[in-house]
Amino acid sequence: MELRVNLRRDDGIAVIIAIAVIAFAGEVDVYTAPVLRDAISKVLAAGDKAMVVDMSEVSFLDSTGLGVLVGRLKAVRMLEGVMRVVITNPRVLRNFQITGLEKIFTIDSTAADAVAAVKAGA
């Protein structure tokens, strides 16, 4: 199992925030979920409170991965930050729907849409 992580920052021109875009690719399961947790935690520790978790290239997400996302969302909200999640895989999206987490997370279909929404304050 492998989970690849790519981090970039999108500095808003009209707004004074940097949006951390963390892109994951591969499978998020009991073995790779710590990579997901650690990547988001490092972004928070660096002081970024606006982030997009791009899971458009994630092919599988289990309950451990969902738990990590819920925990990190709580941490972001405690810092009065914002986290949006990008999901394009119907199987991954189905996990959010089955658990009701699509009502808790703001889900976008592209990273560009998520970044634009954060910049707009949505």
N, C-alpha and C. Protein backbone atom coordinates (compact mmCIF):
# COMPACT_ATOMS: atom_id res chain seq x y z
N MET A 1 0.84 -1.18 0.00
CA MET A 1 0.00 0.00 0.00
C MET A 1 0.89 1.24 0.00
N GLU A 2 0.46 2.24 -0.71
CA GLU A 2 1.24 3.46 -0.79
C GLU A 2 0.29 4.65 -0.78
N LEU A 3 0.75 5.69 -0.13
CA LEU A 3 0.03 6.96 -0.13
C LEU A 3 1.06 8.04 -0.40
N ARG A 4 0.90 8.74 -1.51
CA ARG A 4 1.82 9.82 -1.86
C ARG A 4 1.22 11.14 -1.44
N VAL A 5 2.09 12.04 -0.98
CA VAL A 5 1.66 13.35 -0.48
C VAL A 5 2.38 14.43 -1.26
N ASN A 6 1.64 15.45 -1.68
CA ASN A 6 2.22 16.62 -2.33
C ASN A 6 1.62 17.85 -1.67
N LEU A 7 2.48 18.77 -1.21
CA LEU A 7 2.00 19.98 -0.55
C LEU A 7 2.41 21.19 -1.35
N ARG A 8 1.47 22.08 -1.59
CA ARG A 8 1.79 23.37 -2.21
C ARG A 8 0.97 24.43 -1.50
N ARG A 9 1.40 25.66 -1.63
CA ARG A 9 0.66 26.76 -1.02
C ARG A 9 0.16 27.68 -2.12
N ASP A 10 -1.08 28.04 -2.04
CA ASP A 10 -1.70 28.95 -3.00
C ASP A 10 -1.87 30.28 -2.27
N ASP A 11 -1.01 31.24 -2.55
CA ASP A 11 -1.08 32.54 -1.90
C ASP A 11 -2.09 33.41 -2.63
N GLY A 12 -3.11 33.81 -1.91
CA GLY A 12 -4.14 34.66 -2.50
C GLY A 12 -3.61 36.05 -2.78
N ILE A 13 -3.98 36.59 -3.91
CA ILE A 13 -3.57 37.94 -4.27
C ILE A 13 -4.49 38.95 -3.60
N ALA A 14 -5.77 38.70 -3.69
CA ALA A 14 -6.74 39.66 -3.15
C ALA A 14 -6.95 39.47 -1.66
N VAL A 15 -6.51 38.36 -1.16
CA VAL A 15 -6.69 38.09 0.26
C VAL A 15 -5.33 37.81 0.89
N ILE A 16 -5.24 38.01 2.16
CA ILE A 16 -3.96 37.84 2.84
C ILE A 16 -3.94 36.50 3.57
N ILE A 17 -4.14 35.45 2.83
CA ILE A 17 -4.04 34.11 3.41
C ILE A 17 -3.29 33.21 2.45
N ALA A 18 -2.63 32.26 2.99
CA ALA A 18 -2.03 31.21 2.18
C ALA A 18 -2.87 29.97 2.39
N ILE A 19 -3.25 29.35 1.32
CA ILE A 19 -4.07 28.16 1.40
C ILE A 19 -3.16 26.96 1.13
N ALA A 20 -3.06 26.07 2.09
CA ALA A 20 -2.26 24.86 1.91
C ALA A 20 -3.10 23.85 1.15
N VAL A 21 -2.57 23.38 0.04
CA VAL A 21 -3.24 22.34 -0.73
C VAL A 21 -2.41 21.07 -0.57
N ILE A 22 -3.00 20.08 0.09
CA ILE A 22 -2.31 18.83 0.34
C ILE A 22 -2.97 17.78 -0.54
N ALA A 23 -2.23 17.29 -1.52
CA ALA A 23 -2.77 16.31 -2.46
C ALA A 23 -2.28 14.92 -2.08
N PHE A 24 -3.21 14.00 -1.99
CA PHE A 24 -2.89 12.62 -1.67
C PHE A 24 -3.24 11.75 -2.87
N ALA A 25 -2.46 10.71 -3.08
CA ALA A 25 -2.73 9.76 -4.16
C ALA A 25 -2.45 8.36 -3.64
N GLY A 26 -3.33 7.44 -3.97
CA GLY A 26 -3.15 6.06 -3.54
C GLY A 26 -4.29 5.61 -2.65
N GLU A 27 -3.98 4.75 -1.71
CA GLU A 27 -4.98 4.18 -0.81
C GLU A 27 -4.76 4.68 0.60
N VAL A 28 -5.85 5.06 1.26
CA VAL A 28 -5.79 5.47 2.66
C VAL A 28 -6.47 4.36 3.47
N ASP A 29 -5.67 3.66 4.22
CA ASP A 29 -6.18 2.56 5.03
C ASP A 29 -5.46 2.55 6.37
N VAL A 30 -5.62 1.50 7.12
CA VAL A 30 -5.03 1.42 8.46
C VAL A 30 -3.51 1.58 8.43
N TYR A 31 -2.88 1.20 7.34
CA TYR A 31 -1.43 1.29 7.23
C TYR A 31 -0.94 2.67 6.81
N THR A 32 -1.71 3.35 5.96
CA THR A 32 -1.26 4.64 5.42
C THR A 32 -1.94 5.84 6.07
N ALA A 33 -2.97 5.63 6.86
CA ALA A 33 -3.68 6.74 7.51
C ALA A 33 -2.75 7.62 8.34
N PRO A 34 -1.72 7.06 9.01
CA PRO A 34 -0.80 7.94 9.75
C PRO A 34 -0.09 8.95 8.84
N VAL A 35 0.15 8.60 7.60
CA VAL A 35 0.76 9.55 6.65
C VAL A 35 -0.18 10.72 6.43
N LEU A 36 -1.46 10.43 6.26
CA LEU A 36 -2.49 11.46 6.09
C LEU A 36 -2.54 12.36 7.32
N ARG A 37 -2.61 11.74 8.49
CA ARG A 37 -2.66 12.50 9.75
C ARG A 37 -1.44 13.39 9.92
N ASP A 38 -0.27 12.82 9.69
CA ASP A 38 0.97 13.57 9.89
C ASP A 38 1.10 14.73 8.91
N ALA A 39 0.70 14.53 7.67
CA ALA A 39 0.79 15.60 6.67
C ALA A 39 -0.09 16.79 7.05
N ILE A 40 -1.32 16.50 7.46
CA ILE A 40 -2.22 17.59 7.85
C ILE A 40 -1.74 18.24 9.15
N SER A 41 -1.25 17.45 10.07
CA SER A 41 -0.73 17.99 11.33
C SER A 41 0.46 18.91 11.11
N LYS A 42 1.34 18.56 10.17
CA LYS A 42 2.49 19.41 9.86
C LYS A 42 2.05 20.75 9.28
N VAL A 43 1.03 20.72 8.46
CA VAL A 43 0.51 21.98 7.88
C VAL A 43 -0.05 22.85 9.00
N LEU A 44 -0.79 22.25 9.92
CA LEU A 44 -1.33 23.01 11.05
C LEU A 44 -0.20 23.55 11.93
N ALA A 45 0.81 22.74 12.17
CA ALA A 45 1.93 23.16 13.00
C ALA A 45 2.71 24.31 12.36
N ALA A 46 2.68 24.38 11.03
CA ALA A 46 3.37 25.45 10.32
C ALA A 46 2.57 26.76 10.36
N GLY A 47 1.36 26.69 10.93
CA GLY A 47 0.56 27.90 11.07
C GLY A 47 -0.49 28.10 10.01
N ASP A 48 -0.61 27.17 9.08
CA ASP A 48 -1.65 27.28 8.05
C ASP A 48 -2.98 26.86 8.64
N LYS A 49 -3.97 27.73 8.52
CA LYS A 49 -5.31 27.41 9.03
C LYS A 49 -6.33 27.24 7.91
N ALA A 50 -5.93 27.54 6.68
CA ALA A 50 -6.81 27.33 5.53
C ALA A 50 -6.18 26.24 4.68
N MET A 51 -6.92 25.16 4.48
CA MET A 51 -6.35 24.06 3.71
C MET A 51 -7.37 23.36 2.85
N VAL A 52 -6.85 22.80 1.77
CA VAL A 52 -7.62 21.95 0.88
C VAL A 52 -6.96 20.59 0.90
N VAL A 53 -7.72 19.58 1.26
CA VAL A 53 -7.23 18.21 1.26
C VAL A 53 -7.71 17.58 -0.05
N ASP A 54 -6.81 17.51 -1.01
CA ASP A 54 -7.15 17.02 -2.35
C ASP A 54 -7.00 15.51 -2.39
N MET A 55 -8.13 14.82 -2.41
CA MET A 55 -8.14 13.36 -2.45
C MET A 55 -8.64 12.86 -3.80
N SER A 56 -8.49 13.71 -4.82
CA SER A 56 -9.00 13.34 -6.14
C SER A 56 -8.27 12.13 -6.73
N GLU A 57 -7.07 11.84 -6.26
CA GLU A 57 -6.34 10.67 -6.76
C GLU A 57 -6.28 9.55 -5.73
N VAL A 58 -7.15 9.62 -4.73
CA VAL A 58 -7.25 8.54 -3.75
C VAL A 58 -8.23 7.51 -4.29
N SER A 59 -7.77 6.27 -4.37
CA SER A 59 -8.60 5.20 -4.95
C SER A 59 -9.37 4.41 -3.91
N PHE A 60 -8.95 4.52 -2.64
CA PHE A 60 -9.60 3.76 -1.57
C PHE A 60 -9.44 4.52 -0.27
N LEU A 61 -10.49 4.55 0.53
CA LEU A 61 -10.46 5.21 1.84
C LEU A 61 -11.27 4.36 2.81
N ASP A 62 -10.62 3.90 3.88
CA ASP A 62 -11.35 3.09 4.85
C ASP A 62 -11.74 3.93 6.08
N SER A 63 -12.32 3.26 7.06
CA SER A 63 -12.81 3.96 8.25
C SER A 63 -11.68 4.61 9.05
N THR A 64 -10.49 4.04 8.98
CA THR A 64 -9.35 4.64 9.68
C THR A 64 -9.04 6.00 9.06
N GLY A 65 -9.04 6.07 7.74
CA GLY A 65 -8.80 7.33 7.04
C GLY A 65 -9.88 8.35 7.34
N LEU A 66 -11.13 7.89 7.39
CA LEU A 66 -12.23 8.80 7.74
C LEU A 66 -12.03 9.35 9.14
N GLY A 67 -11.62 8.48 10.05
CA GLY A 67 -11.38 8.92 11.43
C GLY A 67 -10.28 9.97 11.52
N VAL A 68 -9.23 9.78 10.74
CA VAL A 68 -8.15 10.76 10.71
C VAL A 68 -8.67 12.10 10.20
N LEU A 69 -9.46 12.08 9.14
CA LEU A 69 -10.00 13.33 8.60
C LEU A 69 -10.90 14.04 9.60
N VAL A 70 -11.72 13.28 10.30
CA VAL A 70 -12.59 13.88 11.33
C VAL A 70 -11.74 14.51 12.43
N GLY A 71 -10.72 13.81 12.88
CA GLY A 71 -9.85 14.34 13.93
C GLY A 71 -9.13 15.61 13.50
N ARG A 72 -8.63 15.62 12.27
CA ARG A 72 -7.92 16.80 11.78
C ARG A 72 -8.88 17.95 11.52
N LEU A 73 -10.11 17.65 11.10
CA LEU A 73 -11.11 18.71 10.93
C LEU A 73 -11.40 19.39 12.27
N LYS A 74 -11.51 18.60 13.32
CA LYS A 74 -11.72 19.16 14.66
C LYS A 74 -10.57 20.09 15.04
N ALA A 75 -9.33 19.65 14.75
CA ALA A 75 -8.16 20.46 15.07
C ALA A 75 -8.18 21.77 14.28
N VAL A 76 -8.55 21.70 13.02
CA VAL A 76 -8.63 22.91 12.18
C VAL A 76 -9.69 23.86 12.74
N ARG A 77 -10.84 23.33 13.09
CA ARG A 77 -11.92 24.18 13.61
C ARG A 77 -11.56 24.78 14.96
N MET A 78 -10.79 24.07 15.78
CA MET A 78 -10.36 24.63 17.06
C MET A 78 -9.47 25.85 16.85
N LEU A 79 -8.76 25.87 15.74
CA LEU A 79 -7.91 27.01 15.39
C LEU A 79 -8.66 28.06 14.58
N GLU A 80 -9.98 27.87 14.46
CA GLU A 80 -10.84 28.75 13.67
C GLU A 80 -10.41 28.79 12.21
N GLY A 81 -9.96 27.64 11.71
CA GLY A 81 -9.54 27.52 10.33
C GLY A 81 -10.61 26.90 9.46
N VAL A 82 -10.23 26.61 8.23
CA VAL A 82 -11.15 26.01 7.28
C VAL A 82 -10.46 24.87 6.55
N MET A 83 -11.19 23.78 6.37
CA MET A 83 -10.70 22.64 5.60
C MET A 83 -11.78 22.24 4.61
N ARG A 84 -11.39 22.15 3.36
CA ARG A 84 -12.28 21.64 2.32
C ARG A 84 -11.63 20.38 1.76
N VAL A 85 -12.45 19.43 1.33
CA VAL A 85 -11.95 18.16 0.82
C VAL A 85 -12.38 18.00 -0.63
N VAL A 86 -11.44 17.58 -1.47
CA VAL A 86 -11.74 17.33 -2.89
C VAL A 86 -11.85 15.82 -3.08
N ILE A 87 -13.00 15.39 -3.59
CA ILE A 87 -13.23 13.97 -3.84
C ILE A 87 -13.84 13.82 -5.22
N THR A 88 -13.25 12.95 -6.03
CA THR A 88 -13.79 12.68 -7.36
C THR A 88 -14.16 11.21 -7.54
N ASN A 89 -13.60 10.34 -6.73
CA ASN A 89 -13.86 8.92 -6.84
C ASN A 89 -15.20 8.59 -6.20
N PRO A 90 -16.14 8.03 -6.95
CA PRO A 90 -17.47 7.71 -6.39
C PRO A 90 -17.40 6.76 -5.19
N ARG A 91 -16.44 5.83 -5.19
CA ARG A 91 -16.32 4.89 -4.06
C ARG A 91 -15.91 5.62 -2.79
N VAL A 92 -14.99 6.57 -2.92
CA VAL A 92 -14.54 7.34 -1.76
C VAL A 92 -15.68 8.24 -1.29
N LEU A 93 -16.35 8.89 -2.21
CA LEU A 93 -17.48 9.75 -1.86
C LEU A 93 -18.58 8.95 -1.16
N ARG A 94 -18.78 7.73 -1.61
CA ARG A 94 -19.82 6.87 -1.01
C ARG A 94 -19.55 6.64 0.48
N ASN A 95 -18.28 6.51 0.86
CA ASN A 95 -17.94 6.34 2.28
C ASN A 95 -18.37 7.56 3.10
N PHE A 96 -18.22 8.74 2.54
CA PHE A 96 -18.67 9.95 3.23
C PHE A 96 -20.19 9.97 3.34
N GLN A 97 -20.87 9.53 2.29
CA GLN A 97 -22.33 9.53 2.30
C GLN A 97 -22.90 8.49 3.26
N ILE A 98 -22.34 7.31 3.26
CA ILE A 98 -22.81 6.23 4.13
C ILE A 98 -22.70 6.63 5.60
N THR A 99 -21.62 7.30 5.95
CA THR A 99 -21.37 7.68 7.34
C THR A 99 -21.99 9.02 7.72
N GLY A 100 -22.54 9.74 6.74
CA GLY A 100 -23.12 11.05 7.01
C GLY A 100 -22.08 12.16 7.08
N LEU A 101 -20.85 11.85 6.76
CA LEU A 101 -19.78 12.85 6.86
C LEU A 101 -19.84 13.90 5.76
N GLU A 102 -20.62 13.65 4.71
CA GLU A 102 -20.76 14.67 3.67
C GLU A 102 -21.51 15.89 4.22
N LYS A 103 -22.17 15.73 5.37
CA LYS A 103 -22.85 16.85 6.01
C LYS A 103 -21.89 17.64 6.91
N ILE A 104 -20.77 17.05 7.28
CA ILE A 104 -19.80 17.68 8.16
C ILE A 104 -18.67 18.33 7.37
N PHE A 105 -18.23 17.66 6.33
CA PHE A 105 -17.15 18.17 5.49
C PHE A 105 -17.71 18.96 4.32
N THR A 106 -16.98 19.96 3.89
CA THR A 106 -17.32 20.66 2.66
C THR A 106 -16.53 19.97 1.56
N ILE A 107 -17.25 19.37 0.62
CA ILE A 107 -16.63 18.57 -0.42
C ILE A 107 -16.74 19.29 -1.76
N ASP A 108 -15.61 19.36 -2.45
CA ASP A 108 -15.55 19.99 -3.77
C ASP A 108 -15.13 18.94 -4.79
N SER A 109 -15.37 19.25 -6.08
CA SER A 109 -15.00 18.32 -7.14
C SER A 109 -13.64 18.62 -7.74
N THR A 110 -13.10 19.82 -7.50
CA THR A 110 -11.74 20.14 -7.97
C THR A 110 -11.03 20.97 -6.92
N ALA A 111 -9.70 20.89 -6.93
CA ALA A 111 -8.90 21.69 -6.00
C ALA A 111 -9.06 23.17 -6.32
N ALA A 112 -9.17 23.51 -7.59
CA ALA A 112 -9.34 24.91 -7.99
C ALA A 112 -10.63 25.48 -7.41
N ASP A 113 -11.71 24.70 -7.46
CA ASP A 113 -12.98 25.15 -6.87
C ASP A 113 -12.84 25.34 -5.37
N ALA A 114 -12.16 24.40 -4.71
CA ALA A 114 -11.98 24.50 -3.26
C ALA A 114 -11.16 25.72 -2.87
N VAL A 115 -10.07 25.96 -3.59
CA VAL A 115 -9.23 27.13 -3.31
C VAL A 115 -10.01 28.42 -3.53
N ALA A 116 -10.76 28.46 -4.62
CA ALA A 116 -11.57 29.65 -4.92
C ALA A 116 -12.60 29.90 -3.82
N ALA A 117 -13.21 28.84 -3.32
CA ALA A 117 -14.21 28.98 -2.26
C ALA A 117 -13.57 29.47 -0.97
N VAL A 118 -12.37 28.98 -0.65
CA VAL A 118 -11.69 29.45 0.56
C VAL A 118 -11.36 30.92 0.41
N LYS A 119 -10.88 31.31 -0.77
CA LYS A 119 -10.54 32.73 -1.01
C LYS A 119 -11.78 33.62 -0.91
N ALA A 120 -12.91 33.08 -1.34
CA ALA A 120 -14.15 33.85 -1.31
C ALA A 120 -14.78 33.86 0.08
N GLY A 121 -14.22 33.06 0.98
CA GLY A 121 -14.75 33.02 2.34
C GLY A 121 -15.95 32.14 2.50
N ALA A 122 -16.16 31.23 1.54
CA ALA A 122 -17.34 30.35 1.60
C ALA A 122 -17.11 29.21 2.56
